[in-house]
Amino acid sequence: MADSTATTEGIAERTPRSYPFSRNRLELDPVEARLPQEEPVSRVQMPYGRPAWLVSTHELSKLVLSDPRFSREATLVGDNPRESPVDYAQVAESILSMDPPKHTRIRQLVGKAFTPRRVEAIRPWARQIAAGLIDDMQAAGPPADLVRSFSYAFPAIVICELLGIPDADRHEFRGWTDGMVSTSAASPEEHQEILLNLFSYFERLVAERRRRPSEDLLTGMVQARDNEDRLTETELVFLGMTLLVAGYETTANDITNQVYTLLAHPRQLAQLRERPELIPEAVEELLRFIVLGDAVNARNATVDIQLGDVMVRAGEPVLCSLAAACHDESVFDHPAELDITRQPNPHLAFGYGPHVCLGAHLARMELQVSLETILSRLPGLRLAVPENELAWQEGTIMRGPTAFPISWDAD
């Protein structure tokens, strides 16, 4: 124990590294890539909030994300480490800030809508949507912006239909959801206004579902609130907001990023064209390989607990670098290489433990449908501009091109 304490004190006394370390397109920062082997638990300082411990190995990330001694609820008090001026997850009524059993109660309420069986049942419908978007692209002819014409449109249509959000509102809520993942220098008041606008919008949707029930997920949530008393009104609204943002922003960026990555790895792309049955495995490997964002929401230790060589004290925040965990060479052979046949592939792109992504099955299906549709319908797919002319997102926790001009072999 004396050696561990000495190690802890030595690390804690260092000036914390600024985090995120760097962002080079979709690549893992070289320092972060070395952390699992060199410093599995390190000290970092995010743009906002107090210093935190950063866990980078696969094993320790799973521990932090699943052990009840690391609490999301405990972060409701204090200046949490974060990238944005406002911590959107720091709301008591949000599922993102709950621990079991409160978290379990709400998750079970909506989890049945995202089971593998339910998701598989809507795959044919999702394929029709994807095909229709490609039809529109082909009718207009190349070049086309994949981001605008497909990547954002496809998951937006799917989540709108599932939640019961009118199609006409899609363009309006994109501005709000973009704002929710922004790390820009906008004032806290401006960030707060985004939150209030989205909250008010869902309040109106809830009122509308009370007047005119439908077959959508939001109606089911309203009825669970009104008839079964399983949700408070605020929990209901925040749950709708969370499902919208989580079911839209990440998948939209993932679609473009996966296409970009395949174009950058022509051998893997050729193999996938020859063997389209590998698309499910390819999606999993692309989820592992691509760095979409940085550390997940902080957990606070509720007791003193040993993490590797570090003694984390009660009340201290802990972050998990899932990108580093997904490149941990103790788990993944040659992690810096893209291998669409990789098996097994226990990546943590969707998180782990009680807060594992609720819509993981839906996201997987949407990504599989996207790749199969794009690759089968757009022969000779290629970038329509030199790669160095691509513009990349800035001021957001997400990574990806702001636009992705593509061309293909037209008939």
Protein backbone atom coordinates (compact mmCIF):
# COMPACT_ATOMS: atom_id res chain seq x y z
CA MET A 1 0.00 0.00 0.00
CA ALA A 2 2.91 2.34 0.73
CA ASP A 3 4.20 1.98 -2.84
CA SER A 4 0.73 2.69 -4.25
CA THR A 5 0.33 5.76 -2.08
CA ALA A 6 3.71 7.08 -3.18
CA THR A 7 2.78 6.52 -6.82
CA THR A 8 -0.54 8.25 -6.35
CA GLU A 9 1.02 11.26 -4.69
CA GLY A 10 3.63 11.52 -7.43
CA ILE A 11 1.01 11.56 -10.18
CA ALA A 12 -1.31 13.88 -8.29
CA GLU A 13 1.48 16.41 -7.78
CA ARG A 14 2.18 16.71 -11.50
CA THR A 15 0.65 19.51 -13.50
CA PRO A 16 -2.39 17.88 -15.16
CA ARG A 17 -2.18 17.48 -18.91
CA SER A 18 -4.67 19.57 -20.86
CA TYR A 19 -7.36 17.27 -22.20
CA PRO A 20 -8.40 16.49 -24.92
CA PHE A 21 -4.74 16.27 -25.93
CA SER A 22 -5.20 16.99 -29.64
CA ARG A 23 -7.64 16.30 -32.45
CA ASN A 24 -6.26 15.18 -35.78
CA ARG A 25 -9.30 14.23 -37.81
CA LEU A 26 -10.37 10.75 -36.64
CA GLU A 27 -7.02 9.61 -35.28
CA LEU A 28 -6.14 8.81 -31.70
CA ASP A 29 -3.65 11.25 -30.20
CA PRO A 30 -0.19 9.59 -29.96
CA VAL A 31 0.09 10.40 -26.24
CA GLU A 32 -3.35 8.93 -25.57
CA ALA A 33 -2.46 5.81 -27.57
CA ARG A 34 0.53 5.17 -25.27
CA LEU A 35 -1.31 5.73 -21.99
CA PRO A 36 -2.73 2.18 -21.58
CA GLN A 37 0.83 0.83 -21.44
CA GLU A 38 2.69 3.78 -19.91
CA GLU A 39 0.23 5.48 -17.55
CA PRO A 40 -3.13 3.68 -17.29
CA VAL A 41 -4.44 6.26 -14.80
CA SER A 42 -3.25 9.82 -15.43
CA ARG A 43 -4.07 13.33 -14.31
CA VAL A 44 -5.84 15.65 -16.76
CA GLN A 45 -7.51 19.05 -16.89
CA MET A 46 -10.43 19.58 -19.24
CA PRO A 47 -11.39 23.06 -20.52
CA TYR A 48 -13.96 23.42 -17.73
CA GLY A 49 -14.22 21.98 -14.23
CA ARG A 50 -11.70 20.59 -11.81
CA PRO A 51 -8.84 18.18 -12.57
CA ALA A 52 -9.74 14.53 -13.02
CA TRP A 53 -8.24 11.07 -13.28
CA LEU A 54 -8.22 9.69 -16.83
CA VAL A 55 -8.47 5.92 -17.19
CA SER A 56 -7.25 4.56 -20.52
CA THR A 57 -7.09 0.76 -20.39
CA HIS A 58 -9.86 -1.57 -21.50
CA GLU A 59 -9.98 -3.36 -18.15
CA LEU A 60 -10.03 -0.27 -15.93
CA SER A 61 -12.57 1.49 -18.17
CA LYS A 62 -14.95 -1.43 -17.77
CA LEU A 63 -14.43 -1.30 -14.02
CA VAL A 64 -15.17 2.42 -13.73
CA LEU A 65 -18.23 2.19 -15.98
CA SER A 66 -19.76 -0.77 -14.14
CA ASP A 67 -18.69 -0.49 -10.49
CA PRO A 68 -21.35 1.25 -8.33
CA ARG A 69 -18.56 2.89 -6.35
CA PHE A 70 -18.18 5.23 -9.33
CA SER A 71 -21.33 7.32 -9.44
CA ARG A 72 -22.95 9.56 -12.04
CA GLU A 73 -25.41 10.84 -9.44
CA ALA A 74 -22.55 12.07 -7.25
CA THR A 75 -21.48 14.45 -10.04
CA LEU A 76 -24.62 16.54 -9.54
CA VAL A 77 -22.73 18.48 -6.88
CA GLY A 78 -19.45 20.11 -7.88
CA ASP A 79 -17.61 21.55 -10.84
CA ASN A 80 -17.44 18.56 -13.16
CA PRO A 81 -14.65 18.14 -15.74
CA ARG A 82 -16.14 18.81 -19.18
CA GLU A 83 -15.57 20.38 -22.59
CA SER A 84 -18.61 22.67 -22.65
CA PRO A 85 -19.41 25.71 -20.50
CA VAL A 86 -22.68 24.03 -19.52
CA ASP A 87 -22.89 20.41 -18.35
CA TYR A 88 -26.06 19.23 -20.06
CA ALA A 89 -25.91 15.90 -18.27
CA GLN A 90 -25.80 17.54 -14.84
CA VAL A 91 -29.57 17.47 -14.32
CA ALA A 92 -31.07 15.32 -11.58
CA GLU A 93 -34.04 14.29 -13.74
CA SER A 94 -31.85 13.19 -16.66
CA ILE A 95 -31.19 9.48 -17.14
CA LEU A 96 -27.56 10.43 -17.84
CA SER A 97 -27.14 11.58 -14.22
CA MET A 98 -28.87 8.71 -12.46
CA ASP A 99 -27.53 5.63 -10.73
CA PRO A 100 -29.45 2.39 -10.24
CA PRO A 101 -32.16 1.81 -9.14
CA LYS A 102 -33.58 5.12 -10.45
CA HIS A 103 -31.63 4.72 -13.68
CA THR A 104 -32.85 1.12 -14.04
CA ARG A 105 -36.49 2.18 -13.65
CA ILE A 106 -36.34 4.61 -16.55
CA ARG A 107 -34.09 2.51 -18.75
CA GLN A 108 -36.43 -0.48 -18.51
CA LEU A 109 -39.31 1.74 -19.54
CA VAL A 110 -37.86 2.54 -22.97
CA GLY A 111 -35.42 -0.33 -23.38
CA LYS A 112 -38.04 -2.60 -24.91
CA ALA A 113 -38.26 -0.28 -27.92
CA PHE A 114 -34.58 -0.88 -28.71
CA THR A 115 -34.21 -4.64 -28.26
CA PRO A 116 -32.47 -6.55 -31.07
CA ARG A 117 -35.80 -8.10 -32.08
CA ARG A 118 -37.60 -4.74 -32.28
CA VAL A 119 -34.74 -3.15 -34.18
CA GLU A 120 -34.51 -6.04 -36.63
CA ALA A 121 -38.23 -5.69 -37.32
CA ILE A 122 -37.73 -2.16 -38.67
CA ARG A 123 -34.67 -2.98 -40.80
CA PRO A 124 -36.72 -3.38 -44.04
CA TRP A 125 -38.31 0.03 -43.41
CA ALA A 126 -34.89 1.58 -42.73
CA ARG A 127 -33.60 0.10 -45.99
CA GLN A 128 -36.45 1.78 -47.85
CA ILE A 129 -35.57 5.14 -46.31
CA ALA A 130 -31.89 4.74 -47.18
CA ALA A 131 -32.71 3.66 -50.72
CA GLY A 132 -34.98 6.65 -51.18
CA LEU A 133 -32.23 9.05 -50.13
CA ILE A 134 -29.80 7.42 -52.57
CA ASP A 135 -32.46 7.63 -55.29
CA ASP A 136 -32.60 11.38 -54.75
CA MET A 137 -28.81 11.64 -54.90
CA GLN A 138 -28.65 9.63 -58.12
CA ALA A 139 -31.43 11.64 -59.69
CA ALA A 140 -29.54 14.88 -59.03
CA GLY A 141 -26.33 13.28 -60.24
CA PRO A 142 -22.81 13.57 -58.84
CA PRO A 143 -21.26 15.29 -57.03
CA ALA A 144 -23.28 15.25 -53.83
CA ASP A 145 -22.60 16.11 -50.19
CA LEU A 146 -22.97 12.87 -48.27
CA VAL A 147 -23.34 14.76 -44.97
CA ARG A 148 -26.32 16.83 -46.10
CA SER A 149 -27.94 14.33 -48.48
CA PHE A 150 -27.64 11.15 -46.43
CA SER A 151 -25.66 11.06 -43.18
CA TYR A 152 -27.84 13.52 -41.27
CA ALA A 153 -31.07 12.84 -43.10
CA PHE A 154 -31.18 9.07 -42.57
CA PRO A 155 -30.89 8.85 -38.75
CA ALA A 156 -33.04 11.97 -38.41
CA ILE A 157 -35.91 10.34 -40.31
CA VAL A 158 -35.55 7.13 -38.27
CA ILE A 159 -35.47 8.74 -34.83
CA CYS A 160 -38.24 11.19 -35.76
CA GLU A 161 -40.47 8.33 -36.80
CA LEU A 162 -39.72 6.30 -33.68
CA LEU A 163 -40.29 9.21 -31.31
CA GLY A 164 -43.16 10.73 -33.26
CA ILE A 165 -41.46 14.02 -34.16
CA PRO A 166 -42.99 15.75 -37.19
CA ASP A 167 -40.75 15.72 -40.28
CA ALA A 168 -41.21 19.46 -40.64
CA ASP A 169 -39.34 20.00 -37.36
CA ARG A 170 -36.17 18.17 -38.40
CA HIS A 171 -34.29 21.23 -39.58
CA GLU A 172 -35.18 23.16 -36.44
CA PHE A 173 -34.01 20.54 -33.97
CA ARG A 174 -30.72 19.96 -35.79
CA GLY A 175 -29.58 23.40 -34.64
CA TRP A 176 -30.48 22.51 -31.06
CA THR A 177 -28.81 19.11 -31.10
CA ASP A 178 -25.67 20.60 -32.68
CA GLY A 179 -25.67 23.10 -29.85
CA MET A 180 -25.93 20.35 -27.24
CA VAL A 181 -22.61 18.83 -28.39
CA SER A 182 -20.90 22.19 -28.93
CA THR A 183 -17.74 23.14 -27.07
CA SER A 184 -17.58 26.61 -28.60
CA ALA A 185 -16.90 29.78 -26.72
CA ALA A 186 -20.59 30.66 -26.63
CA SER A 187 -21.63 32.05 -23.29
CA PRO A 188 -23.25 29.85 -20.64
CA GLU A 189 -26.41 31.89 -21.22
CA GLU A 190 -26.43 30.91 -24.90
CA HIS A 191 -25.88 27.26 -24.06
CA GLN A 192 -28.65 27.48 -21.48
CA GLU A 193 -30.98 28.94 -24.10
CA ILE A 194 -30.37 25.93 -26.34
CA LEU A 195 -31.32 23.62 -23.48
CA LEU A 196 -34.46 25.60 -22.69
CA ASN A 197 -35.54 25.67 -26.35
CA LEU A 198 -35.23 21.90 -26.66
CA PHE A 199 -36.95 21.39 -23.31
CA SER A 200 -39.87 23.64 -24.34
CA TYR A 201 -40.15 21.85 -27.67
CA PHE A 202 -40.53 18.47 -25.98
CA GLU A 203 -43.01 19.92 -23.49
CA ARG A 204 -45.17 20.89 -26.47
CA LEU A 205 -44.76 17.45 -28.04
CA VAL A 206 -45.79 15.77 -24.78
CA ALA A 207 -48.89 17.96 -24.57
CA GLU A 208 -49.71 17.09 -28.18
CA ARG A 209 -49.41 13.34 -27.48
CA ARG A 210 -51.81 13.72 -24.58
CA ARG A 211 -54.34 15.31 -26.91
CA ARG A 212 -53.67 12.98 -29.84
CA PRO A 213 -52.08 9.65 -28.81
CA SER A 214 -50.22 7.75 -31.52
CA GLU A 215 -48.26 4.51 -31.90
CA ASP A 216 -44.88 6.13 -31.37
CA LEU A 217 -42.41 5.83 -28.49
CA LEU A 218 -43.19 9.26 -27.08
CA THR A 219 -46.86 8.34 -26.69
CA GLY A 220 -45.82 5.22 -24.77
CA MET A 221 -43.66 7.34 -22.49
CA VAL A 222 -46.53 9.79 -21.89
CA GLN A 223 -48.88 6.95 -21.03
CA ALA A 224 -46.29 5.47 -18.65
CA ARG A 225 -46.19 8.86 -16.96
CA ASP A 226 -49.97 9.42 -16.84
CA ASN A 227 -51.36 5.92 -16.40
CA GLU A 228 -48.63 4.06 -14.53
CA ASP A 229 -46.88 6.89 -12.65
CA ARG A 230 -43.48 5.54 -13.71
CA LEU A 231 -42.03 8.90 -14.74
CA THR A 232 -42.18 12.43 -13.46
CA GLU A 233 -43.03 15.09 -16.00
CA THR A 234 -39.48 16.45 -16.02
CA GLU A 235 -38.00 12.95 -16.35
CA LEU A 236 -40.29 12.37 -19.31
CA VAL A 237 -39.19 15.51 -21.12
CA PHE A 238 -35.48 14.97 -20.46
CA LEU A 239 -35.75 11.36 -21.60
CA GLY A 240 -37.23 12.47 -24.92
CA MET A 241 -34.44 15.01 -25.33
CA THR A 242 -31.76 12.43 -24.54
CA LEU A 243 -33.15 9.90 -27.01
CA LEU A 244 -33.26 12.54 -29.75
CA VAL A 245 -29.72 13.81 -29.30
CA ALA A 246 -28.16 10.38 -28.71
CA GLY A 247 -30.10 8.80 -31.58
CA TYR A 248 -29.17 11.46 -34.07
CA GLU A 249 -25.85 13.26 -33.65
CA THR A 250 -23.57 10.29 -33.07
CA THR A 251 -25.00 8.09 -35.84
CA ALA A 252 -24.99 10.96 -38.34
CA ASN A 253 -21.30 11.56 -37.75
CA ASP A 254 -20.52 7.85 -37.68
CA ILE A 255 -21.99 7.31 -41.15
CA THR A 256 -19.74 9.88 -42.82
CA ASN A 257 -16.71 8.86 -40.77
CA GLN A 258 -17.09 5.21 -41.68
CA VAL A 259 -17.35 5.97 -45.40
CA TYR A 260 -14.33 8.28 -45.16
CA THR A 261 -12.31 5.62 -43.35
CA LEU A 262 -13.14 2.93 -45.90
CA LEU A 263 -12.15 5.24 -48.76
CA ALA A 264 -8.86 5.82 -46.94
CA HIS A 265 -8.32 2.03 -46.73
CA PRO A 266 -8.93 0.82 -50.30
CA ARG A 267 -7.95 -2.80 -49.61
CA GLN A 268 -10.51 -3.07 -46.84
CA LEU A 269 -13.10 -1.34 -49.03
CA ALA A 270 -12.42 -3.76 -51.90
CA GLN A 271 -12.74 -6.72 -49.54
CA LEU A 272 -16.06 -5.40 -48.27
CA ARG A 273 -17.38 -4.93 -51.80
CA GLU A 274 -16.39 -8.50 -52.64
CA ARG A 275 -17.85 -9.88 -49.42
CA PRO A 276 -20.80 -7.68 -48.35
CA GLU A 277 -21.69 -10.28 -45.73
CA LEU A 278 -18.81 -8.80 -43.72
CA ILE A 279 -20.68 -5.52 -43.21
CA PRO A 280 -21.72 -6.30 -39.59
CA GLU A 281 -18.10 -7.11 -38.66
CA ALA A 282 -16.89 -4.06 -40.59
CA VAL A 283 -19.23 -1.78 -38.66
CA GLU A 284 -17.94 -3.12 -35.35
CA GLU A 285 -14.33 -2.64 -36.40
CA LEU A 286 -15.00 0.88 -37.67
CA LEU A 287 -16.69 1.72 -34.36
CA ARG A 288 -13.56 0.50 -32.57
CA PHE A 289 -11.07 2.11 -34.92
CA ILE A 290 -12.53 5.59 -35.42
CA VAL A 291 -12.17 8.21 -32.69
CA LEU A 292 -15.57 9.93 -32.69
CA GLY A 293 -15.22 11.75 -29.37
CA ASP A 294 -13.12 11.90 -26.25
CA ALA A 295 -13.71 10.90 -22.62
CA VAL A 296 -17.23 10.01 -21.52
CA ASN A 297 -19.17 11.75 -18.74
CA ALA A 298 -17.29 11.79 -15.45
CA ARG A 299 -18.03 9.51 -12.53
CA ASN A 300 -17.18 10.46 -8.97
CA ALA A 301 -15.65 7.93 -6.63
CA THR A 302 -17.92 7.45 -3.61
CA VAL A 303 -15.16 5.77 -1.54
CA ASP A 304 -11.39 5.55 -1.72
CA ILE A 305 -10.65 2.96 -4.38
CA GLN A 306 -7.49 1.60 -5.98
CA LEU A 307 -7.26 1.95 -9.77
CA GLY A 308 -4.07 0.35 -10.98
CA ASP A 309 -1.22 2.16 -9.19
CA VAL A 310 -3.42 5.09 -8.18
CA MET A 311 -5.55 5.50 -5.08
CA VAL A 312 -8.58 7.53 -6.15
CA ARG A 313 -10.03 9.38 -3.19
CA ALA A 314 -13.72 9.64 -2.42
CA GLY A 315 -15.26 12.56 -4.29
CA GLU A 316 -12.63 12.70 -7.05
CA PRO A 317 -13.90 12.61 -10.67
CA VAL A 318 -12.79 9.87 -13.05
CA LEU A 319 -12.99 9.97 -16.85
CA CYS A 320 -12.68 7.04 -19.25
CA SER A 321 -10.91 7.37 -22.59
CA LEU A 322 -12.89 4.81 -24.54
CA ALA A 323 -10.88 5.64 -27.65
CA ALA A 324 -7.68 4.59 -25.87
CA ALA A 325 -9.44 1.53 -24.43
CA CYS A 326 -10.49 0.56 -27.97
CA HIS A 327 -6.81 0.72 -28.99
CA ASP A 328 -5.47 -1.15 -25.96
CA GLU A 329 -2.92 -3.60 -27.36
CA SER A 330 -3.42 -5.94 -24.42
CA VAL A 331 -6.90 -6.62 -25.84
CA PHE A 332 -6.63 -5.87 -29.56
CA ASP A 333 -3.84 -7.22 -31.78
CA HIS A 334 -2.34 -4.45 -33.91
CA PRO A 335 -4.93 -1.93 -32.71
CA ALA A 336 -3.70 0.83 -35.04
CA GLU A 337 -4.66 -1.30 -38.05
CA LEU A 338 -8.14 -1.47 -39.54
CA ASP A 339 -9.23 -5.10 -39.91
CA ILE A 340 -12.84 -5.60 -40.96
CA THR A 341 -12.59 -9.32 -40.18
CA ARG A 342 -11.44 -8.75 -36.58
CA GLN A 343 -12.83 -11.37 -34.20
CA PRO A 344 -13.46 -11.12 -31.35
CA ASN A 345 -13.99 -7.39 -31.11
CA PRO A 346 -14.98 -6.38 -27.55
CA HIS A 347 -14.80 -2.65 -28.25
CA LEU A 348 -16.30 -0.11 -25.87
CA ALA A 349 -17.55 2.39 -28.46
CA PHE A 350 -21.05 2.21 -26.94
CA GLY A 351 -19.76 2.33 -23.37
CA TYR A 352 -20.23 -0.39 -20.79
CA GLY A 353 -22.23 -1.17 -17.68
CA PRO A 354 -25.55 0.37 -16.65
CA HIS A 355 -25.10 3.40 -18.92
CA VAL A 356 -24.17 1.43 -22.05
CA CYS A 357 -25.79 3.16 -25.03
CA LEU A 358 -29.52 2.48 -24.96
CA GLY A 359 -29.76 2.74 -28.74
CA ALA A 360 -26.71 0.61 -29.57
CA HIS A 361 -28.75 -1.98 -31.49
CA LEU A 362 -30.50 0.77 -33.45
CA ALA A 363 -27.21 2.50 -34.26
CA ARG A 364 -25.64 -0.76 -35.43
CA MET A 365 -28.58 -1.44 -37.72
CA GLU A 366 -28.52 2.08 -39.16
CA LEU A 367 -24.78 1.90 -39.83
CA GLN A 368 -25.10 -1.52 -41.45
CA VAL A 369 -27.95 -0.35 -43.67
CA SER A 370 -26.06 2.82 -44.56
CA LEU A 371 -22.93 0.98 -45.68
CA GLU A 372 -24.76 -1.73 -47.61
CA THR A 373 -26.90 0.87 -49.42
CA ILE A 374 -24.11 3.31 -50.21
CA LEU A 375 -21.65 0.66 -51.39
CA SER A 376 -24.19 -1.27 -53.46
CA ARG A 377 -25.88 1.75 -55.05
CA LEU A 378 -22.90 4.04 -55.68
CA PRO A 379 -20.32 2.15 -57.77
CA GLY A 380 -16.93 3.77 -58.01
CA LEU A 381 -17.60 5.82 -54.88
CA ARG A 382 -14.87 8.42 -54.36
CA LEU A 383 -14.16 11.83 -52.90
CA ALA A 384 -15.12 14.62 -55.26
CA VAL A 385 -12.46 16.98 -53.90
CA PRO A 386 -8.83 16.51 -52.86
CA GLU A 387 -8.72 15.15 -49.32
CA ASN A 388 -6.80 18.16 -48.05
CA GLU A 389 -9.75 20.37 -48.99
CA LEU A 390 -12.12 18.64 -46.57
CA ALA A 391 -13.28 20.90 -43.73
CA TRP A 392 -13.50 19.29 -40.30
CA GLN A 393 -15.79 20.13 -37.41
CA GLU A 394 -14.48 22.46 -34.75
CA GLY A 395 -15.98 23.57 -31.46
CA THR A 396 -17.85 20.32 -30.83
CA ILE A 397 -17.29 17.10 -28.91
CA MET A 398 -17.92 15.18 -32.15
CA ARG A 399 -15.41 14.58 -34.92
CA GLY A 400 -16.12 14.43 -38.62
CA PRO A 401 -16.17 16.46 -41.84
CA THR A 402 -18.57 19.40 -42.03
CA ALA A 403 -19.25 18.35 -45.63
CA PHE A 404 -18.21 15.28 -47.59
CA PRO A 405 -18.43 15.79 -51.39
CA ILE A 406 -18.60 12.46 -53.18
CA SER A 407 -18.84 11.27 -56.73
CA TRP A 408 -19.59 7.91 -58.30
CA ASP A 409 -19.91 6.17 -61.66
CA ALA A 410 -23.24 7.36 -63.00
CA ASP A 411 -25.20 5.13 -65.39
